[in-house]
C-alpha atoms as a PDB file:
ATOM      1  CA  MET A   1      89.641 -42.024-146.165  1.00  0.00           C
ATOM      2  CA  PHE A   2      91.184 -39.100-143.856  1.00  0.00           C
ATOM      3  CA  PRO A   3      91.380 -39.409-140.469  1.00  0.00           C
ATOM      4  CA  SER A   4      88.731 -37.670-138.393  1.00  0.00           C
ATOM      5  CA  SER A   5      90.737 -34.569-137.127  1.00  0.00           C
ATOM      6  CA  ASP A   6      92.456 -33.639-140.440  1.00  0.00           C
ATOM      7  CA  ALA A   7      89.654 -30.972-141.832  1.00  0.00           C
ATOM      8  CA  ALA A   8      89.570 -29.724-137.798  1.00  0.00           C
ATOM      9  CA  ARG A   9      93.347 -29.035-138.019  1.00  0.00           C
ATOM     10  CA  HIS A  10      92.741 -27.256-141.003  1.00  0.00           C
ATOM     11  CA  ARG A  11      90.328 -24.743-139.733  1.00  0.00           C
ATOM     12  CA  ARG A  12      92.937 -24.684-136.955  1.00  0.00           C
ATOM     13  CA  GLY A  13      95.430 -24.415-139.273  1.00  0.00           C
ATOM     14  CA  LEU A  14      93.420 -21.583-141.360  1.00  0.00           C
ATOM     15  CA  ALA A  15      92.751 -19.537-137.968  1.00  0.00           C
ATOM     16  CA  ILE A  16      95.900 -19.044-136.930  1.00  0.00           C
ATOM     17  CA  THR A  17      97.724 -18.777-139.736  1.00  0.00           C
ATOM     18  CA  GLY A  18      94.933 -15.826-140.617  1.00  0.00           C
ATOM     19  CA  LEU A  19      95.697 -13.839-137.076  1.00  0.00           C
ATOM     20  CA  GLY A  20      99.473 -13.918-137.965  1.00  0.00           C
ATOM     21  CA  GLY A  21      98.587 -12.148-141.237  1.00  0.00           C
ATOM     22  CA  LEU A  22      96.238  -9.442-139.869  1.00  0.00           C
ATOM     23  CA  ALA A  23      98.842  -8.965-137.185  1.00  0.00           C
ATOM     24  CA  LEU A  24     101.334  -8.351-139.591  1.00  0.00           C
ATOM     25  CA  SER A  25      99.527  -5.924-141.598  1.00  0.00           C
ATOM     26  CA  PHE A  26     100.185  -3.010-138.487  1.00  0.00           C
ATOM     27  CA  ASP A  27     103.798  -3.769-139.247  1.00  0.00           C
ATOM     28  CA  ILE A  28     104.393  -0.683-142.060  1.00  0.00           C
ATOM     29  CA  PRO A  29     101.600   1.833-140.289  1.00  0.00           C
ATOM     30  CA  LEU A  30     103.815   1.201-137.091  1.00  0.00           C
ATOM     31  CA  ILE A  31     106.825   1.482-138.199  1.00  0.00           C
ATOM     32  CA  ARG A  32     105.850   4.736-140.431  1.00  0.00           C
ATOM     33  CA  ALA A  33     104.302   5.949-137.290  1.00  0.00           C
ATOM     34  CA  ALA A  34     107.608   5.704-135.006  1.00  0.00           C
ATOM     35  CA  ASP A  35     109.018   8.337-137.618  1.00  0.00           C
ATOM     36  CA  GLY A  36     112.754   7.145-137.037  1.00  0.00           C
ATOM     37  CA  GLU A  37     116.658   6.109-138.050  1.00  0.00           C
ATOM     38  CA  VAL A  38     116.125   2.500-139.690  1.00  0.00           C
ATOM     39  CA  TRP A  39     118.448   0.779-137.708  1.00  0.00           C
ATOM     40  CA  SER A  40     117.438   2.734-134.537  1.00  0.00           C
ATOM     41  CA  ILE A  41     114.221   1.119-135.548  1.00  0.00           C
ATOM     42  CA  LEU A  42     115.414  -2.179-136.782  1.00  0.00           C
ATOM     43  CA  ALA A  43     117.667  -2.203-133.150  1.00  0.00           C
ATOM     44  CA  LEU A  44     114.388  -1.214-130.768  1.00  0.00           C
ATOM     45  CA  ARG A  45     112.235  -3.434-132.943  1.00  0.00           C
ATOM     46  CA  SER A  46     113.741  -6.442-132.348  1.00  0.00           C
ATOM     47  CA  LEU A  47     115.467  -6.397-129.230  1.00  0.00           C
ATOM     48  CA  SER A  48     111.416  -5.978-127.931  1.00  0.00           C
ATOM     49  CA  THR A  49     110.901  -9.067-129.631  1.00  0.00           C
ATOM     50  CA  PHE A  50     113.453 -10.960-128.449  1.00  0.00           C
ATOM     51  CA  ALA A  51     112.337  -9.691-124.713  1.00  0.00           C
ATOM     52  CA  VAL A  52     109.202 -11.503-125.411  1.00  0.00           C
ATOM     53  CA  ALA A  53     110.304 -14.658-126.925  1.00  0.00           C
ATOM     54  CA  ILE A  54     112.389 -15.245-123.691  1.00  0.00           C
ATOM     55  CA  VAL A  55     109.480 -14.601-121.665  1.00  0.00           C
ATOM     56  CA  ALA A  56     107.361 -16.549-123.621  1.00  0.00           C
ATOM     57  CA  TRP A  57     109.870 -19.615-123.409  1.00  0.00           C
ATOM     58  CA  PHE A  58     109.945 -19.210-119.454  1.00  0.00           C
ATOM     59  CA  VAL A  59     106.165 -18.999-118.813  1.00  0.00           C
ATOM     60  CA  LEU A  60     105.945 -21.886-121.468  1.00  0.00           C
ATOM     61  CA  ASN A  61     108.404 -24.140-120.331  1.00  0.00           C
ATOM     62  CA  ARG A  62     108.289 -23.401-116.543  1.00  0.00           C
ATOM     63  CA  LEU A  63     105.097 -22.186-115.523  1.00  0.00           C
ATOM     64  CA  MET A  64     102.492 -23.778-117.983  1.00  0.00           C
ATOM     65  CA  GLY A  65     105.279 -27.301-118.273  1.00  0.00           C
ATOM     66  CA  ARG A  66     104.876 -27.082-121.835  1.00  0.00           C
ATOM     67  CA  ARG A  67     108.003 -28.357-123.295  1.00  0.00           C
ATOM     68  CA  ILE A  68     109.261 -25.927-126.038  1.00  0.00           C
ATOM     69  CA  ALA A  69     112.983 -25.381-128.329  1.00  0.00           C
ATOM     70  CA  LEU A  70     113.592 -21.574-128.270  1.00  0.00           C
ATOM     71  CA  ILE A  71     115.838 -23.190-131.688  1.00  0.00           C
ATOM     72  CA  PRO A  72     114.978 -26.957-132.606  1.00  0.00           C
ATOM     73  CA  GLY A  73     117.758 -28.347-133.948  1.00  0.00           C
ATOM     74  CA  LYS A  74     119.255 -27.814-136.768  1.00  0.00           C
ATOM     75  CA  ALA A  75     115.951 -26.903-139.265  1.00  0.00           C
ATOM     76  CA  GLY A  76     115.219 -24.204-136.342  1.00  0.00           C
ATOM     77  CA  LEU A  77     118.665 -22.747-136.269  1.00  0.00           C
ATOM     78  CA  VAL A  78     118.143 -22.551-140.708  1.00  0.00           C
ATOM     79  CA  ALA A  79     114.393 -20.709-140.113  1.00  0.00           C
ATOM     80  CA  GLY A  80     115.882 -18.870-137.486  1.00  0.00           C
ATOM     81  CA  LEU A  81     118.277 -17.351-139.934  1.00  0.00           C
ATOM     82  CA  LEU A  82     116.226 -16.971-142.492  1.00  0.00           C
ATOM     83  CA  TYR A  83     114.241 -14.558-140.282  1.00  0.00           C
ATOM     84  CA  GLY A  84     116.398 -12.773-139.373  1.00  0.00           C
ATOM     85  CA  ILE A  85     118.201 -11.826-142.258  1.00  0.00           C
ATOM     86  CA  ASN A  86     114.178 -11.161-143.201  1.00  0.00           C
ATOM     87  CA  SER A  87     114.596  -8.351-140.693  1.00  0.00           C
ATOM     88  CA  PHE A  88     117.426  -6.807-142.558  1.00  0.00           C
ATOM     89  CA  THR A  89     115.980  -6.860-145.875  1.00  0.00           C
ATOM     90  CA  PHE A  90     112.398  -6.208-144.978  1.00  0.00           C
ATOM     91  CA  LEU A  91     113.163  -2.798-143.021  1.00  0.00           C
ATOM     92  CA  LEU A  92     115.511  -1.137-146.309  1.00  0.00           C
ATOM     93  CA  ALA A  93     112.580  -2.016-148.093  1.00  0.00           C
ATOM     94  CA  VAL A  94     110.319  -0.220-146.566  1.00  0.00           C
ATOM     95  CA  PHE A  95     113.090   2.971-146.628  1.00  0.00           C
ATOM     96  CA  LYS A  96     114.402   2.264-150.162  1.00  0.00           C
ATOM     97  CA  THR A  97     111.481   2.238-152.028  1.00  0.00           C
ATOM     98  CA  SER A  98     107.368   2.987-152.049  1.00  0.00           C
ATOM     99  CA  THR A  99     105.276   0.731-149.668  1.00  0.00           C
ATOM    100  CA  ALA A 100     103.158  -0.050-153.813  1.00  0.00           C
ATOM    101  CA  ASN A 101     106.569  -1.716-154.495  1.00  0.00           C
ATOM    102  CA  VAL A 102     107.227  -3.883-151.284  1.00  0.00           C
ATOM    103  CA  VAL A 103     103.486  -4.900-151.044  1.00  0.00           C
ATOM    104  CA  PHE A 104     103.945  -5.814-155.032  1.00  0.00           C
ATOM    105  CA  VAL A 105     107.469  -7.997-154.529  1.00  0.00           C
ATOM    106  CA  LEU A 106     106.115 -10.027-151.323  1.00  0.00           C
ATOM    107  CA  ALA A 107     103.120 -10.985-152.595  1.00  0.00           C
ATOM    108  CA  PHE A 108     105.556 -13.436-154.374  1.00  0.00           C
ATOM    109  CA  THR A 109     106.400 -15.072-150.977  1.00  0.00           C
ATOM    110  CA  SER A 110     103.305 -17.680-151.961  1.00  0.00           C
ATOM    111  CA  MET A 111     104.571 -18.473-155.407  1.00  0.00           C
ATOM    112  CA  PHE A 112     108.158 -19.056-154.118  1.00  0.00           C
ATOM    113  CA  ALA A 113     107.229 -21.006-150.872  1.00  0.00           C
ATOM    114  CA  ALA A 114     105.264 -22.942-153.664  1.00  0.00           C
ATOM    115  CA  LEU A 115     108.183 -23.411-156.522  1.00  0.00           C
ATOM    116  CA  LEU A 116     110.805 -24.283-152.746  1.00  0.00           C
ATOM    117  CA  SER A 117     107.869 -27.048-152.179  1.00  0.00           C
ATOM    118  CA  TRP A 118     107.643 -27.822-154.738  1.00  0.00           C
ATOM    119  CA  ILE A 119     111.555 -28.828-155.348  1.00  0.00           C
ATOM    120  CA  PHE A 120     112.508 -29.815-152.235  1.00  0.00           C
ATOM    121  CA  LEU A 121     109.389 -31.346-150.823  1.00  0.00           C
ATOM    122  CA  LYS A 122     107.775 -32.458-153.526  1.00  0.00           C
ATOM    123  CA  GLU A 123     104.366 -31.194-152.570  1.00  0.00           C
ATOM    124  CA  ARG A 124     102.701 -29.542-155.955  1.00  0.00           C
ATOM    125  CA  PRO A 125     100.511 -26.906-155.128  1.00  0.00           C
ATOM    126  CA  SER A 126      96.294 -28.271-155.995  1.00  0.00           C
ATOM    127  CA  ASN A 127      95.345 -26.901-158.676  1.00  0.00           C
ATOM    128  CA  ALA A 128      92.962 -24.766-156.748  1.00  0.00           C
ATOM    129  CA  THR A 129      95.949 -23.010-155.391  1.00  0.00           C
ATOM    130  CA  LEU A 130      97.707 -22.286-158.606  1.00  0.00           C
ATOM    131  CA  VAL A 131      94.365 -20.676-159.544  1.00  0.00           C
ATOM    132  CA  THR A 132      94.362 -18.987-155.962  1.00  0.00           C
ATOM    133  CA  MET A 133      97.418 -17.775-155.877  1.00  0.00           C
ATOM    134  CA  ALA A 134      97.404 -16.347-159.665  1.00  0.00           C
ATOM    135  CA  ILE A 135      94.026 -14.431-159.171  1.00  0.00           C
ATOM    136  CA  MET A 136      95.278 -12.571-155.694  1.00  0.00           C
ATOM    137  CA  ILE A 137      98.427 -11.727-157.948  1.00  0.00           C
ATOM    138  CA  CYS A 138      96.174  -9.985-160.423  1.00  0.00           C
ATOM    139  CA  GLY A 139      94.895  -8.672-157.015  1.00  0.00           C
ATOM    140  CA  VAL A 140      97.536  -6.963-156.098  1.00  0.00           C
ATOM    141  CA  GLY A 141      98.319  -5.879-160.177  1.00  0.00           C
ATOM    142  CA  PHE A 142      94.831  -3.663-158.895  1.00  0.00           C
ATOM    143  CA  ILE A 143      96.255  -2.226-155.997  1.00  0.00           C
ATOM    144  CA  VAL A 144      99.650  -1.262-157.878  1.00  0.00           C
ATOM    145  CA  GLN A 145      98.622  -0.168-161.249  1.00  0.00           C
ATOM    146  CA  ASP A 146     100.182   3.800-161.351  1.00  0.00           C
ATOM    147  CA  GLY A 147     101.788   3.463-158.123  1.00  0.00           C
ATOM    148  CA  LEU A 148     104.806   0.868-158.986  1.00  0.00           C
ATOM    149  CA  GLU A 149     107.844   3.875-158.867  1.00  0.00           C
ATOM    150  CA  SER A 150     111.186   3.734-161.133  1.00  0.00           C
ATOM    151  CA  GLY A 151     114.663   4.456-159.416  1.00  0.00           C
ATOM    152  CA  HIS A 152     114.701   2.506-156.352  1.00  0.00           C
ATOM    153  CA  LEU A 153     116.051  -0.941-157.723  1.00  0.00           C
ATOM    154  CA  PHE A 154     117.854  -2.065-154.507  1.00  0.00           C
ATOM    155  CA  GLY A 155     114.812  -1.179-152.422  1.00  0.00           C
ATOM    156  CA  ASP A 156     112.576  -3.537-154.867  1.00  0.00           C
ATOM    157  CA  ALA A 157     115.443  -5.766-154.289  1.00  0.00           C
ATOM    158  CA  MET A 158     115.621  -6.301-150.586  1.00  0.00           C
ATOM    159  CA  ALA A 159     112.076  -6.635-150.988  1.00  0.00           C
ATOM    160  CA  ALA A 160     112.440  -9.692-153.514  1.00  0.00           C
ATOM    161  CA  CYS A 161     115.026 -11.426-150.598  1.00  0.00           C
ATOM    162  CA  SER A 162     112.660 -10.487-148.035  1.00  0.00           C
ATOM    163  CA  ALA A 163     109.770 -12.535-150.035  1.00  0.00           C
ATOM    164  CA  PHE A 164     112.377 -15.246-150.886  1.00  0.00           C
ATOM    165  CA  LEU A 165     113.793 -15.632-147.143  1.00  0.00           C
ATOM    166  CA  LEU A 166     110.071 -15.562-145.917  1.00  0.00           C
ATOM    167  CA  ALA A 167     109.282 -18.363-148.183  1.00  0.00           C
ATOM    168  CA  GLY A 168     112.530 -20.676-147.458  1.00  0.00           C
ATOM    169  CA  ALA A 169     111.286 -20.404-143.698  1.00  0.00           C
ATOM    170  CA  ILE A 170     108.042 -21.463-144.214  1.00  0.00           C
ATOM    171  CA  THR A 171     109.623 -24.653-146.306  1.00  0.00           C
ATOM    172  CA  VAL A 172     111.950 -25.356-143.973  1.00  0.00           C
ATOM    173  CA  SER A 173     109.613 -25.270-141.233  1.00  0.00           C
ATOM    174  CA  ARG A 174     106.810 -27.295-142.940  1.00  0.00           C
ATOM    175  CA  ALA A 175     110.304 -29.784-143.102  1.00  0.00           C
ATOM    176  CA  SER A 176     111.202 -29.953-140.640  1.00  0.00           C
ATOM    177  CA  GLY A 177     107.469 -31.307-138.472  1.00  0.00           C
ATOM    178  CA  ARG A 178     108.938 -29.139-135.574  1.00  0.00           C
ATOM    179  CA  ASP A 179     107.102 -26.514-133.752  1.00  0.00           C
ATOM    180  CA  MET A 180     108.478 -23.447-134.351  1.00  0.00           C
ATOM    181  CA  ALA A 181     106.096 -20.821-132.499  1.00  0.00           C
ATOM    182  CA  LEU A 182     109.336 -19.343-131.102  1.00  0.00           C
ATOM    183  CA  VAL A 183     112.109 -19.682-133.457  1.00  0.00           C
ATOM    184  CA  PRO A 184     111.751 -16.045-135.289  1.00  0.00           C
ATOM    185  CA  LEU A 185     111.252 -14.252-132.186  1.00  0.00           C
ATOM    186  CA  THR A 186     114.594 -15.530-130.044  1.00  0.00           C
ATOM    187  CA  THR A 187     116.923 -15.016-133.502  1.00  0.00           C
ATOM    188  CA  ALA A 188     115.706 -11.384-133.652  1.00  0.00           C
ATOM    189  CA  ILE A 189     118.857 -11.112-131.580  1.00  0.00           C
ATOM    190  CA  PHE A 190     120.817 -11.651-134.407  1.00  0.00           C
ATOM    191  CA  PRO A 191     119.633  -8.328-136.230  1.00  0.00           C
ATOM    192  CA  ALA A 192     119.225  -6.350-133.372  1.00  0.00           C
ATOM    193  CA  ILE A 193     123.069  -6.608-132.246  1.00  0.00           C
ATOM    194  CA  ALA A 194     123.898  -6.177-136.384  1.00  0.00           C
ATOM    195  CA  ALA A 195     121.901  -2.880-136.148  1.00  0.00           C
ATOM    196  CA  LEU A 196     122.946  -1.794-132.672  1.00  0.00           C
ATOM    197  CA  LEU A 197     126.486  -1.921-134.175  1.00  0.00           C
ATOM    198  CA  LEU A 198     125.635   0.191-137.515  1.00  0.00           C
ATOM    199  CA  MET A 199     123.308   2.361-135.552  1.00  0.00           C
ATOM    200  CA  PRO A 200     124.551   6.305-135.693  1.00  0.00           C
ATOM    201  CA  SER A 201     126.978   7.212-132.706  1.00  0.00           C
ATOM    202  CA  GLY A 202     124.030   9.435-131.033  1.00  0.00           C
ATOM    203  CA  GLY A 203     122.366   6.876-130.511  1.00  0.00           C
ATOM    204  CA  PHE A 204     118.510   5.634-131.114  1.00  0.00           C
ATOM    205  CA  THR A 205     116.676   8.451-133.158  1.00  0.00           C
ATOM    206  CA  ILE A 206     112.809   7.711-133.049  1.00  0.00           C
ATOM    207  CA  ALA A 207     111.134  10.631-132.919  1.00  0.00           C
ATOM    208  CA  ALA A 208     107.764   7.862-131.320  1.00  0.00           C
ATOM    209  CA  PRO A 209     109.392   4.542-129.516  1.00  0.00           C
ATOM    210  CA  SER A 210     105.992   3.667-128.520  1.00  0.00           C
ATOM    211  CA  TYR A 211     105.239   2.734-131.332  1.00  0.00           C
ATOM    212  CA  ILE A 212     107.787   0.620-132.332  1.00  0.00           C
ATOM    213  CA  LEU A 213     108.140  -0.888-128.693  1.00  0.00           C
ATOM    214  CA  PHE A 214     104.154  -2.068-129.394  1.00  0.00           C
ATOM    215  CA  ASN A 215     105.259  -3.445-132.300  1.00  0.00           C
ATOM    216  CA  GLY A 216     108.059  -5.361-130.663  1.00  0.00           C
ATOM    217  CA  LEU A 217     106.394  -6.543-128.176  1.00  0.00           C
ATOM    218  CA  VAL A 218     102.742  -7.028-128.984  1.00  0.00           C
ATOM    219  CA  MET A 219     102.473  -7.402-132.873  1.00  0.00           C
ATOM    220  CA  ILE A 220     105.699  -8.736-134.414  1.00  0.00           C
ATOM    221  CA  PRO A 221     105.693 -11.586-131.557  1.00  0.00           C
ATOM    222  CA  LEU A 222     101.967 -12.450-132.144  1.00  0.00           C
ATOM    223  CA  ALA A 223     102.281 -12.242-135.976  1.00  0.00           C
ATOM    224  CA  PHE A 224     105.226 -14.434-136.116  1.00  0.00           C
ATOM    225  CA  PHE A 225     104.215 -16.953-133.748  1.00  0.00           C
ATOM    226  CA  CYS A 226     101.144 -17.818-135.531  1.00  0.00           C
ATOM    227  CA  LEU A 227     102.801 -17.620-138.472  1.00  0.00           C
ATOM    228  CA  ALA A 228     105.554 -19.451-137.962  1.00  0.00           C
ATOM    229  CA  THR A 229     103.190 -22.175-136.660  1.00  0.00           C
ATOM    230  CA  GLY A 230     100.874 -21.991-139.543  1.00  0.00           C
ATOM    231  CA  PRO A 231     103.374 -24.521-141.395  1.00  0.00           C
ATOM    232  CA  ARG A 232     102.353 -27.453-139.330  1.00  0.00           C
ATOM    233  CA  TYR A 233      98.406 -27.201-140.119  1.00  0.00           C
ATOM    234  CA  LEU A 234      99.008 -25.773-143.275  1.00  0.00           C
ATOM    235  CA  SER A 235     101.179 -26.725-146.462  1.00  0.00           C
ATOM    236  CA  ALA A 236     103.611 -23.402-147.593  1.00  0.00           C
ATOM    237  CA  PRO A 237     101.584 -21.915-150.489  1.00  0.00           C
ATOM    238  CA  GLU A 238      98.683 -22.068-148.427  1.00  0.00           C
ATOM    239  CA  VAL A 239     100.448 -20.128-145.670  1.00  0.00           C
ATOM    240  CA  GLY A 240     101.972 -17.757-147.876  1.00  0.00           C
ATOM    241  CA  MET A 241      99.080 -16.621-149.034  1.00  0.00           C
ATOM    242  CA  PHE A 242      98.138 -15.430-145.731  1.00  0.00           C
ATOM    243  CA  TYR A 243     101.520 -12.587-145.691  1.00  0.00           C
ATOM    244  CA  LEU A 244      99.040 -11.590-148.458  1.00  0.00           C
ATOM    245  CA  LEU A 245      96.934  -9.630-145.760  1.00  0.00           C
ATOM    246  CA  GLU A 246      99.420  -7.099-145.125  1.00  0.00           C
ATOM    247  CA  THR A 247      99.057  -6.250-148.682  1.00  0.00           C
ATOM    248  CA  ILE A 248      95.335  -4.787-148.369  1.00  0.00           C
ATOM    249  CA  LEU A 249      95.021  -4.239-144.895  1.00  0.00           C
ATOM    250  CA  ALA A 250      98.401  -1.931-144.432  1.00  0.00           C
ATOM    251  CA  PRO A 251      96.946   0.394-146.802  1.00  0.00           C
ATOM    252  CA  ILE A 252      93.384   0.768-144.782  1.00  0.00           C
ATOM    253  CA  TRP A 253      95.526   1.631-141.592  1.00  0.00           C
ATOM    254  CA  VAL A 254      97.543   3.844-143.077  1.00  0.00           C
ATOM    255  CA  TRP A 255      94.167   5.614-144.860  1.00  0.00           C
ATOM    256  CA  ILE A 256      92.346   5.870-140.761  1.00  0.00           C
ATOM    257  CA  ALA A 257      95.551   7.026-138.991  1.00  0.00           C
ATOM    258  CA  PHE A 258      97.421   8.842-141.840  1.00  0.00           C
ATOM    259  CA  SER A 259      94.411  10.390-143.771  1.00  0.00           C
ATOM    260  CA  GLU A 260      96.224   8.960-147.106  1.00  0.00           C
ATOM    261  CA  VAL A 261      93.028   7.870-149.002  1.00  0.00           C
ATOM    262  CA  PRO A 262      93.165   4.507-150.817  1.00  0.00           C
ATOM    263  CA  ARG A 263      92.841   4.745-154.454  1.00  0.00           C
ATOM    264  CA  SER A 264      89.366   2.738-155.885  1.00  0.00           C
ATOM    265  CA  GLN A 265      92.524   0.380-158.204  1.00  0.00           C
ATOM    266  CA  THR A 266      93.239  -0.738-153.963  1.00  0.00           C
ATOM    267  CA  LEU A 267      90.171  -1.709-153.086  1.00  0.00           C
ATOM    268  CA  LEU A 268      89.595  -3.502-155.754  1.00  0.00           C
ATOM    269  CA  GLY A 269      92.360  -4.980-155.647  1.00  0.00           C
ATOM    270  CA  GLY A 270      92.200  -6.156-152.250  1.00  0.00           C
ATOM    271  CA  ALA A 271      88.110  -6.849-152.729  1.00  0.00           C
ATOM    272  CA  ILE A 272      89.979  -9.945-154.857  1.00  0.00           C
ATOM    273  CA  LEU A 273      92.313 -11.056-152.792  1.00  0.00           C
ATOM    274  CA  ILE A 274      90.396 -11.217-149.487  1.00  0.00           C
ATOM    275  CA  LEU A 275      87.553 -13.267-152.026  1.00  0.00           C
ATOM    276  CA  ALA A 276      90.355 -15.479-153.983  1.00  0.00           C
ATOM    277  CA  LEU A 277      91.542 -16.110-149.941  1.00  0.00           C
ATOM    278  CA  ALA A 278      88.248 -16.679-148.691  1.00  0.00           C
ATOM    279  CA  GLY A 279      86.778 -18.887-151.631  1.00  0.00           C
ATOM    280  CA  HIS A 280      90.536 -20.789-151.172  1.00  0.00           C
ATOM    281  CA  SER A 281      90.006 -21.333-147.593  1.00  0.00           C
ATOM    282  CA  LEU A 282      86.139 -22.570-147.887  1.00  0.00           C
ATOM    283  CA  TRP A 283      86.826 -24.951-150.680  1.00  0.00           C
ATOM    284  CA  GLN A 284      90.051 -26.956-149.162  1.00  0.00           C
ATOM    285  CA  MET A 285      87.890 -27.351-146.003  1.00  0.00           C
ATOM    286  CA  ARG A 286      84.410 -28.752-148.305  1.00  0.00           C
ATOM    287  CA  LEU A 287      87.115 -30.881-149.934  1.00  0.00           C
ATOM    288  CA  ARG A 288      88.240 -32.276-146.764  1.00  0.00           C
ATOM    289  CA  SER A 289      85.677 -32.689-145.639  1.00  0.00           C
ATOM    290  CA  ALA A 290      83.192 -34.279-148.300  1.00  0.00           C
ATOM    291  CA  ARG A 291      86.997 -36.802-148.010  1.00  0.00           C
ATOM    292  CA  MET A 292      86.285 -37.611-144.243  1.00  0.00           C
ATOM    293  CA  ARG A 293      82.589 -38.655-145.215  1.00  0.00           C
ATOM    294  CA  ALA A 294      84.210 -40.440-147.898  1.00  0.00           C
ATOM    295  CA  PRO A 295      82.872 -44.635-147.431  1.00  0.00           C
ATOM    296  CA  CYS A 296      86.305 -46.616-146.638  1.00  0.00           C
ATOM    297  CA  PRO A 297      87.329 -49.323-149.483  1.00  0.00           C
ATOM    298  CA  GLU A 298      86.588 -52.529-148.226  1.00  0.00           C
ATOM    299  CA  PRO A 299      89.697 -54.644-147.425  1.00  0.00           C
ATOM    300  CA  ALA A 300      90.309 -57.074-149.693  1.00  0.00           C
ATOM    301  CA  GLU A 301      89.415 -60.887-148.837  1.00  0.00           C
END
């Protein structure tokens, strides 16, 4: 019989990770609204995220008395490096290929996470998870139907690297069982330093830096704090699926902000994604509740 807290932990994980996926969906629209040079945006976004990490660490440790490490051991360092490199590859993908290509390739984060967990953690994804991921990939296919553009091999490769790096970070976090909430925020200092070195000699070139500051100080810390906490409660493939929220919600925010009306395929694919994700979550909660209510086997005489 499952412990009585198992279903509650799973629900908590769904809520935390869902909030992270929602916050992450604002990343691309805010980057577009800032209208800047790639290295300037990466430097400002990463520096502001790192500042939030230091403030959060001080508040948690000194004021609230909760002991939490910025980078918990070797596993934290490995996960942090994966998150840090992902910042590079993601920004390069956004600037070097179409949004449709980016969201399509990033949809494979959950697939990569499932494979890595299966290989390294021996956690075979449940049949329900495998079916849900297949349905969600079909949903992404509807979104980008007739929208994939050719001639952007480098950008597409960066998006694929980003999906794989995120999956690797999720898997490392899941394997360690440590609190990784501050890891992706702390290691943002690495891409920040590199971006400062690669910036044009004229300094920061961003038309509307307030959007990037809001992104780096609020949305990215919230997103990665929640998504990095998710593997403590959910399997790696389940956490990876919540990254797909960006696929459907980002076009909606772009619609609102830039008056770019989503195509009917986008709305249909988004509905498939949301229904698949909601159905999987409800099924998992129902299954865990049923197991929790199951009677304990009688001990052998």
